[in-house]
């Protein structure tokens, strides 16, 4: 009996242990709010309210603007010109051509009806209008043909010159707009500075060279009337020669700053190209870009890379012939039929003895300025400064 009672007591204890504990009650909304408030500052509620108001205002602004700021490059809607965009879409695209010749009118001195007017004696337009209507232009459309055309309604006769690029319509090939000259992007990527920030005070130890450059470059650009009154032509080009690091490029930049001229810097090796005629074409476009500026100083550094002395046919191969073509194009631009205007050419080299004599003759490079190493006085002055 005792054993049974003990077993019964043990069994009763096991049943009590197997009974699961009651589950905790779930949290209601008030309990969750209390838990969220733990660790918050007393201003947390007002801050969240302000953030919600700001977000709402931003949504209203985005709705009014119509489009959100993105990386697509779209401007603000206030800057949109829908009317101009519609007109642009309605206009037909133009075709690029080149005006090769201008044919003057045959009856420019007097019309068929005389000063009284047309055949019926009615009024005619002014003589300028008659000439503009009768003037013809020969254009060359690449890979198509040559045409004799007239002018459109939106272009004046004085804006069209021989040899310039024009935009023509695709139906009657009438000239609609004049186009700027086409320049190779490689030429455009060359160093072009509207106004260098180097002054005469930044150049040390080159006082005599600065005076000579001012006589050759600064005076013709700033005071051209002095040369006109004397009846002489100003110098066209200057050769700067001397050891490396003596201030040749720095001096040229200082002169360009003084004259408010555009400064174009070209390395001679950049004009050496692989294919035939590419270097000469780059030289032509380079001078054409320089002539388009009001005043320009063209600086060609390391001219000995393309301006070396020419030898016989056995001295070099195809590459040497291409370099000679580039040098001859530079000679043609320096002393050709087209005037250079306010374009002054500076060239720099470390080896003037290797240059071709045709490049150094008067009329092309009129002045030769030597930049030597600084002497003791100049060195002491630079050290004291």
Protein backbone atom coordinates (compact mmCIF):
# COMPACT_ATOMS: atom_id res chain seq x y z
CA UNK A 1 0.00 0.00 0.00
CA UNK A 2 2.85 2.27 0.83
CA UNK A 3 4.38 1.65 -2.56
CA UNK A 4 1.12 2.35 -4.30
CA UNK A 5 0.69 5.56 -2.40
CA UNK A 6 4.21 6.62 -3.31
CA UNK A 7 3.61 5.80 -6.94
CA UNK A 8 0.38 7.69 -6.83
CA UNK A 9 2.06 10.70 -5.36
CA UNK A 10 4.77 10.56 -8.01
CA UNK A 11 2.23 10.24 -10.78
CA UNK A 12 0.26 13.17 -9.47
CA UNK A 13 3.40 15.33 -9.42
CA UNK A 14 4.22 14.42 -13.05
CA UNK A 15 0.78 15.43 -14.25
CA UNK A 16 1.16 18.82 -12.58
CA UNK A 17 4.53 19.40 -14.28
CA UNK A 18 3.15 18.55 -17.74
CA UNK A 19 0.45 21.23 -17.51
CA UNK A 20 1.40 24.19 -19.90
CA UNK A 21 1.79 27.68 -18.44
CA UNK A 22 -0.85 30.23 -19.41
CA UNK A 23 0.06 32.49 -22.43
CA UNK A 24 0.74 36.16 -21.72
CA UNK A 25 -1.98 38.55 -22.80
CA UNK A 26 -1.41 40.29 -26.19
CA UNK A 27 -0.31 43.92 -26.29
CA UNK A 28 -2.90 46.43 -27.23
CA UNK A 29 -2.36 49.77 -28.98
CA UNK A 30 -1.80 51.63 -25.73
CA UNK A 31 0.96 49.25 -24.70
CA UNK A 32 2.65 49.59 -28.10
CA UNK A 33 2.59 53.38 -27.84
CA UNK A 34 4.15 53.16 -24.40
CA UNK A 35 6.93 50.94 -25.75
CA UNK A 36 7.60 53.35 -28.63
CA UNK A 37 7.87 56.24 -26.24
CA UNK A 38 10.77 54.64 -24.39
CA UNK A 39 14.03 56.55 -25.04
CA UNK A 40 12.37 59.44 -26.95
CA UNK A 41 12.95 63.08 -26.16
CA UNK A 42 10.09 65.34 -25.17
CA UNK A 43 10.24 67.01 -28.63
CA UNK A 44 9.97 63.81 -30.65
CA UNK A 45 6.26 64.23 -31.36
CA UNK A 46 6.53 67.81 -32.62
CA UNK A 47 9.57 66.89 -34.74
CA UNK A 48 7.71 64.06 -36.48
CA UNK A 49 4.79 66.36 -37.12
CA UNK A 50 7.06 68.92 -38.76
CA UNK A 51 8.67 66.21 -40.89
CA UNK A 52 5.25 65.10 -42.09
CA UNK A 53 4.33 68.69 -42.97
CA UNK A 54 7.59 69.16 -44.91
CA UNK A 55 7.01 65.94 -46.85
CA UNK A 56 3.51 67.07 -47.73
CA UNK A 57 4.77 70.45 -48.97
CA UNK A 58 7.43 68.75 -51.11
CA UNK A 59 4.77 66.59 -52.70
CA UNK A 60 2.73 69.69 -53.54
CA UNK A 61 5.77 71.41 -55.08
CA UNK A 62 6.53 68.34 -57.20
CA UNK A 63 2.93 68.27 -58.37
CA UNK A 64 3.05 71.95 -59.37
CA UNK A 65 6.41 71.61 -61.18
CA UNK A 66 5.15 68.63 -63.14
CA UNK A 67 8.48 66.78 -63.17
CA UNK A 68 10.97 66.02 -60.48
CA UNK A 69 14.65 66.83 -60.76
CA UNK A 70 16.45 63.96 -62.45
CA UNK A 71 19.60 63.18 -64.42
CA UNK A 72 17.83 63.42 -67.78
CA UNK A 73 18.98 67.00 -68.36
CA UNK A 74 15.47 68.50 -68.44
CA UNK A 75 15.28 72.17 -67.56
CA UNK A 76 12.64 73.68 -65.32
CA UNK A 77 9.15 73.89 -66.79
CA UNK A 78 9.27 77.66 -66.42
CA UNK A 79 12.09 77.70 -68.99
CA UNK A 80 10.28 75.59 -71.57
CA UNK A 81 9.43 77.25 -74.89
CA UNK A 82 6.82 74.96 -76.37
CA UNK A 83 5.97 77.32 -79.22
CA UNK A 84 9.58 77.46 -80.43
CA UNK A 85 9.89 73.68 -80.12
CA UNK A 86 6.75 73.26 -82.22
CA UNK A 87 8.08 75.58 -84.92
CA UNK A 88 11.38 73.71 -84.91
CA UNK A 89 9.60 70.41 -85.43
CA UNK A 90 7.61 71.83 -88.33
CA UNK A 91 10.70 73.15 -90.12
CA UNK A 92 12.40 70.80 -92.51
CA UNK A 93 16.06 69.93 -91.86
CA UNK A 94 18.62 71.69 -94.03
CA UNK A 95 21.40 70.13 -96.05
CA UNK A 96 24.99 71.33 -95.83
CA UNK A 97 26.58 72.60 -99.05
CA UNK A 98 29.45 74.87 -100.05
CA UNK A 99 29.07 78.04 -102.11
CA UNK A 100 31.76 77.79 -104.78
CA UNK A 101 30.95 80.85 -106.90
CA UNK A 102 28.68 83.90 -106.94
CA UNK A 103 27.23 84.85 -110.35
CA UNK A 104 26.39 88.57 -110.50
CA UNK A 105 23.14 89.64 -112.17
CA UNK A 106 23.23 90.35 -115.89
CA UNK A 107 20.88 93.34 -115.74
CA UNK A 108 22.28 95.03 -112.66
CA UNK A 109 22.81 98.39 -114.43
CA UNK A 110 19.22 98.67 -115.63
CA UNK A 111 16.16 96.44 -115.76
CA UNK A 112 14.28 95.41 -118.87
CA UNK A 113 11.59 97.99 -118.21
CA UNK A 114 14.06 100.84 -117.60
CA UNK A 115 13.72 103.23 -114.70
CA UNK A 116 9.99 103.48 -115.29
CA UNK A 117 9.40 99.96 -114.11
CA UNK A 118 8.41 96.69 -115.72
CA UNK A 119 7.02 96.04 -119.17
CA UNK A 120 3.61 97.32 -118.12
CA UNK A 121 5.11 100.48 -116.66
CA UNK A 122 4.14 99.41 -113.17
CA UNK A 123 6.30 100.05 -110.10
CA UNK A 124 9.23 97.80 -109.47
CA UNK A 125 11.21 97.17 -106.34
CA UNK A 126 14.44 98.92 -105.50
CA UNK A 127 17.60 98.13 -107.45
CA UNK A 128 19.08 96.36 -104.44
CA UNK A 129 16.11 94.04 -104.26
CA UNK A 130 16.32 93.31 -107.99
CA UNK A 131 20.01 92.52 -107.74
CA UNK A 132 19.50 90.23 -104.78
CA UNK A 133 16.73 88.37 -106.58
CA UNK A 134 18.75 87.91 -109.76
CA UNK A 135 22.06 87.04 -108.14
CA UNK A 136 22.77 83.34 -108.47
CA UNK A 137 25.03 81.09 -106.46
CA UNK A 138 26.77 77.89 -107.47
CA UNK A 139 26.66 75.42 -104.61
CA UNK A 140 28.31 72.04 -104.32
CA UNK A 141 26.32 69.44 -102.40
CA UNK A 142 28.71 66.70 -101.38
CA UNK A 143 28.20 63.35 -103.12
CA UNK A 144 25.22 64.69 -105.10
CA UNK A 145 25.88 67.44 -107.69
CA UNK A 146 26.40 71.15 -108.27
CA UNK A 147 23.42 73.50 -108.56
CA UNK A 148 22.78 77.12 -109.50
CA UNK A 149 20.38 78.44 -106.88
CA UNK A 150 19.13 81.65 -105.32
CA UNK A 151 18.70 82.97 -101.81
CA UNK A 152 15.97 82.18 -99.34
CA UNK A 153 13.71 84.74 -97.72
CA UNK A 154 15.57 84.86 -94.40
CA UNK A 155 19.14 85.42 -95.62
CA UNK A 156 20.82 88.58 -96.95
CA UNK A 157 23.14 88.67 -99.94
CA UNK A 158 25.92 90.33 -97.94
CA UNK A 159 26.09 87.32 -95.60
CA UNK A 160 27.10 84.89 -98.36
CA UNK A 161 30.69 84.70 -99.61
CA UNK A 162 32.49 82.39 -101.96
CA UNK A 163 33.94 79.29 -100.34
CA UNK A 164 31.76 79.35 -97.22
CA UNK A 165 29.47 76.60 -95.96
CA UNK A 166 25.73 77.21 -96.27
CA UNK A 167 22.53 75.44 -95.32
CA UNK A 168 20.14 74.72 -98.22
CA UNK A 169 16.65 73.22 -98.28
CA UNK A 170 16.10 69.78 -99.69
CA UNK A 171 13.52 70.74 -102.33
CA UNK A 172 14.81 73.69 -104.36
CA UNK A 173 18.29 73.87 -102.79
CA UNK A 174 17.88 77.56 -101.97
CA UNK A 175 20.39 79.01 -99.52
CA UNK A 176 18.70 79.48 -96.16
CA UNK A 177 21.46 80.25 -93.64
CA UNK A 178 25.24 80.80 -93.68
CA UNK A 179 27.23 78.29 -91.64
CA UNK A 180 30.49 78.75 -89.73
CA UNK A 181 33.62 77.04 -91.05
CA UNK A 182 34.02 73.39 -90.18
CA UNK A 183 36.97 72.80 -87.88
CA UNK A 184 38.32 69.44 -86.85
CA UNK A 185 37.54 68.59 -83.19
CA UNK A 186 41.21 67.72 -82.77
CA UNK A 187 42.08 71.32 -83.63
CA UNK A 188 39.37 72.65 -81.33
CA UNK A 189 40.78 70.62 -78.44
CA UNK A 190 44.11 72.40 -78.70
CA UNK A 191 44.87 74.90 -75.99
CA UNK A 192 42.79 78.02 -76.57
CA UNK A 193 42.86 80.69 -73.89
CA UNK A 194 40.80 83.83 -74.25
CA UNK A 195 43.16 85.77 -72.00
CA UNK A 196 46.14 84.24 -70.17
CA UNK A 197 46.64 85.20 -66.53
CA UNK A 198 50.42 85.67 -66.87
CA UNK A 199 51.74 89.25 -66.74
CA UNK A 200 55.12 90.85 -67.34
CA UNK A 201 55.77 90.80 -63.59
CA UNK A 202 55.73 86.99 -63.64
CA UNK A 203 58.62 86.83 -66.12
CA UNK A 204 62.06 87.27 -64.63
CA UNK A 205 65.43 87.58 -66.30
CA UNK A 206 64.06 88.34 -69.78
CA UNK A 207 63.90 92.13 -69.86
CA UNK A 208 65.56 92.54 -73.26
CA UNK A 209 63.48 89.76 -74.79
CA UNK A 210 60.30 91.36 -73.46
CA UNK A 211 61.19 94.69 -75.03
CA UNK A 212 61.79 93.07 -78.40
CA UNK A 213 58.52 91.14 -78.24
CA UNK A 214 56.63 94.28 -77.32
CA UNK A 215 58.03 96.01 -80.39
CA UNK A 216 57.15 93.10 -82.67
CA UNK A 217 53.79 91.95 -81.26
CA UNK A 218 52.31 94.44 -78.83
CA UNK A 219 52.73 97.59 -80.90
CA UNK A 220 51.21 96.23 -84.16
CA UNK A 221 48.17 94.90 -82.29
CA UNK A 222 47.55 97.93 -80.06
CA UNK A 223 48.76 100.75 -82.34
CA UNK A 224 48.45 99.66 -86.00
CA UNK A 225 47.99 103.28 -87.13
CA UNK A 226 51.68 103.96 -86.52
CA UNK A 227 52.67 101.42 -89.15
CA UNK A 228 50.05 102.77 -91.56
CA UNK A 229 51.35 106.32 -91.21
CA UNK A 230 54.90 105.15 -91.88
CA UNK A 231 53.83 102.94 -94.78
CA UNK A 232 55.57 99.81 -93.53
CA UNK A 233 54.29 96.32 -92.79
CA UNK A 234 54.57 95.06 -89.21
CA UNK A 235 56.53 91.86 -88.56
CA UNK A 236 54.52 88.71 -89.13
CA UNK A 237 56.35 86.10 -87.08
CA UNK A 238 58.92 85.66 -84.35
CA UNK A 239 61.22 82.74 -83.59
CA UNK A 240 62.12 82.16 -79.93
CA UNK A 241 65.11 79.91 -79.45
CA UNK A 242 67.17 78.91 -76.46
CA UNK A 243 67.71 76.14 -73.89
CA UNK A 244 64.69 74.57 -72.19
CA UNK A 245 63.27 76.35 -69.17
CA UNK A 246 64.37 79.87 -70.10
CA UNK A 247 60.81 81.32 -70.27
CA UNK A 248 59.88 81.19 -73.95
CA UNK A 249 56.30 80.00 -73.44
CA UNK A 250 55.83 82.16 -70.34
CA UNK A 251 56.92 85.27 -72.21
CA UNK A 252 54.49 84.55 -75.06
CA UNK A 253 51.63 84.20 -72.59
CA UNK A 254 52.53 87.51 -70.96
CA UNK A 255 52.43 89.30 -74.32
CA UNK A 256 49.03 87.75 -75.08
CA UNK A 257 47.73 89.02 -71.74
CA UNK A 258 48.97 92.52 -72.46
CA UNK A 259 47.33 92.69 -75.89
CA UNK A 260 44.04 91.03 -74.80
CA UNK A 261 44.54 88.55 -77.62
CA UNK A 262 43.47 84.94 -77.81
CA UNK A 263 46.40 82.59 -77.18
CA UNK A 264 46.59 79.27 -79.03
CA UNK A 265 49.40 76.90 -78.06
CA UNK A 266 50.28 73.98 -80.33
CA UNK A 267 53.03 71.40 -79.95
CA UNK A 268 54.84 70.63 -83.19
CA UNK A 269 54.52 66.87 -82.73
CA UNK A 270 50.70 67.18 -82.66
CA UNK A 271 50.77 68.18 -86.33
CA UNK A 272 52.55 64.97 -87.36
CA UNK A 273 49.79 62.62 -88.52
CA UNK A 274 49.75 59.13 -89.92
CA UNK A 275 47.73 59.64 -93.09
CA UNK A 276 48.67 61.74 -96.11
CA UNK A 277 47.45 65.32 -95.95
CA UNK A 278 46.09 65.21 -92.40
CA UNK A 279 48.83 67.40 -90.94
CA UNK A 280 48.46 70.02 -93.68
CA UNK A 281 44.69 70.07 -93.20
CA UNK A 282 45.11 70.61 -89.46
CA UNK A 283 47.45 73.55 -90.15
CA UNK A 284 44.89 75.14 -92.48
CA UNK A 285 42.09 74.74 -89.96
CA UNK A 286 44.34 76.03 -87.18
CA UNK A 287 45.04 79.27 -89.04
CA UNK A 288 41.38 79.51 -90.03
CA UNK A 289 40.37 79.29 -86.39
CA UNK A 290 42.99 81.92 -85.49
CA UNK A 291 41.70 84.29 -88.20
CA UNK A 292 38.18 84.00 -86.79
CA UNK A 293 39.32 85.67 -83.56
CA UNK A 294 39.52 89.42 -83.11
CA UNK A 295 43.22 89.20 -82.29
CA UNK A 296 45.17 86.00 -81.89
CA UNK A 297 48.70 84.90 -81.03
CA UNK A 298 49.50 81.44 -82.40
CA UNK A 299 52.36 79.80 -80.52
CA UNK A 300 53.90 76.67 -82.08
CA UNK A 301 56.27 75.02 -79.62
CA UNK A 302 58.96 72.53 -80.67
CA UNK A 303 58.79 73.65 -84.29
CA UNK A 304 61.86 71.55 -85.07
CA UNK A 305 59.58 68.47 -85.00
CA UNK A 306 58.06 69.50 -88.35
CA UNK A 307 60.25 72.35 -89.58
CA UNK A 308 63.50 70.48 -90.09
CA UNK A 309 65.73 71.06 -93.08
CA UNK A 310 64.64 69.19 -96.21
CA UNK A 311 66.99 66.70 -97.83
CA UNK A 312 66.98 64.46 -100.87
CA UNK A 313 64.65 61.56 -101.64
CA UNK A 314 67.09 59.09 -100.14
CA UNK A 315 67.13 60.81 -96.76
CA UNK A 316 63.80 59.55 -95.56
CA UNK A 317 60.70 57.60 -96.35
CA UNK A 318 57.00 58.30 -96.49
CA UNK A 319 56.89 59.75 -92.96
CA UNK A 320 59.50 62.39 -93.78
CA UNK A 321 57.56 63.42 -96.89
CA UNK A 322 54.42 63.90 -94.82
CA UNK A 323 56.32 66.08 -92.35
CA UNK A 324 57.62 68.16 -95.25
CA UNK A 325 54.07 68.64 -96.55
CA UNK A 326 53.02 69.92 -93.14
CA UNK A 327 55.97 72.32 -93.03
CA UNK A 328 55.20 73.59 -96.55
CA UNK A 329 51.61 74.27 -95.51
CA UNK A 330 52.90 76.35 -92.59
CA UNK A 331 55.12 78.27 -95.02
CA UNK A 332 52.12 78.82 -97.28
CA UNK A 333 50.03 80.15 -94.40
CA UNK A 334 52.85 82.43 -93.27
CA UNK A 335 53.53 83.88 -96.72
CA UNK A 336 50.52 82.91 -98.82
CA UNK A 337 47.96 84.85 -100.78
CA UNK A 338 45.51 85.25 -97.89
CA UNK A 339 46.23 88.00 -95.41
CA UNK A 340 46.48 86.90 -91.78
CA UNK A 341 45.11 90.12 -90.31
CA UNK A 342 45.67 90.33 -86.57
CA UNK A 343 47.20 86.84 -86.33
CA UNK A 344 50.76 86.86 -85.01
CA UNK A 345 52.81 83.68 -85.11
CA UNK A 346 55.40 82.70 -82.51
CA UNK A 347 57.57 79.63 -82.80
CA UNK A 348 59.93 78.17 -80.22
CA UNK A 349 62.70 75.62 -80.56
CA UNK A 350 65.78 74.35 -78.78
CA UNK A 351 67.69 73.67 -82.01
CA UNK A 352 67.43 76.58 -84.46
CA UNK A 353 70.27 75.17 -86.56
CA UNK A 354 68.08 72.29 -87.77
CA UNK A 355 65.25 74.46 -89.15
CA UNK A 356 64.64 74.80 -92.87
CA UNK A 357 65.97 78.05 -94.40
CA UNK A 358 62.64 78.61 -96.18
CA UNK A 359 60.95 78.93 -92.79
CA UNK A 360 63.44 81.50 -91.49
CA UNK A 361 63.54 83.93 -94.38
CA UNK A 362 62.20 87.52 -93.95
CA UNK A 363 58.47 87.83 -94.43
CA UNK A 364 57.74 84.63 -92.52
CA UNK A 365 59.76 84.75 -89.33
CA UNK A 366 61.08 88.32 -89.35
CA UNK A 367 62.64 88.35 -85.90
CA UNK A 368 64.81 85.85 -84.04
CA UNK A 369 64.98 86.34 -80.28
CA UNK A 370 67.42 84.33 -78.18
CA UNK A 371 66.55 83.27 -74.64
CA UNK A 372 69.76 82.44 -72.82
CA UNK A 373 70.48 81.16 -69.36
CA UNK A 374 70.26 83.81 -66.62
CA UNK A 375 73.51 85.46 -65.60
CA UNK A 376 74.72 86.05 -62.03
CA UNK A 377 72.90 89.37 -61.62
CA UNK A 378 69.56 87.94 -62.70
CA UNK A 379 70.03 84.87 -60.51
CA UNK A 380 70.75 87.00 -57.45
CA UNK A 381 67.74 89.18 -58.21
CA UNK A 382 65.47 86.13 -58.48
CA UNK A 383 66.84 84.70 -55.22
CA UNK A 384 66.27 87.98 -53.38
CA UNK A 385 62.69 88.18 -54.63
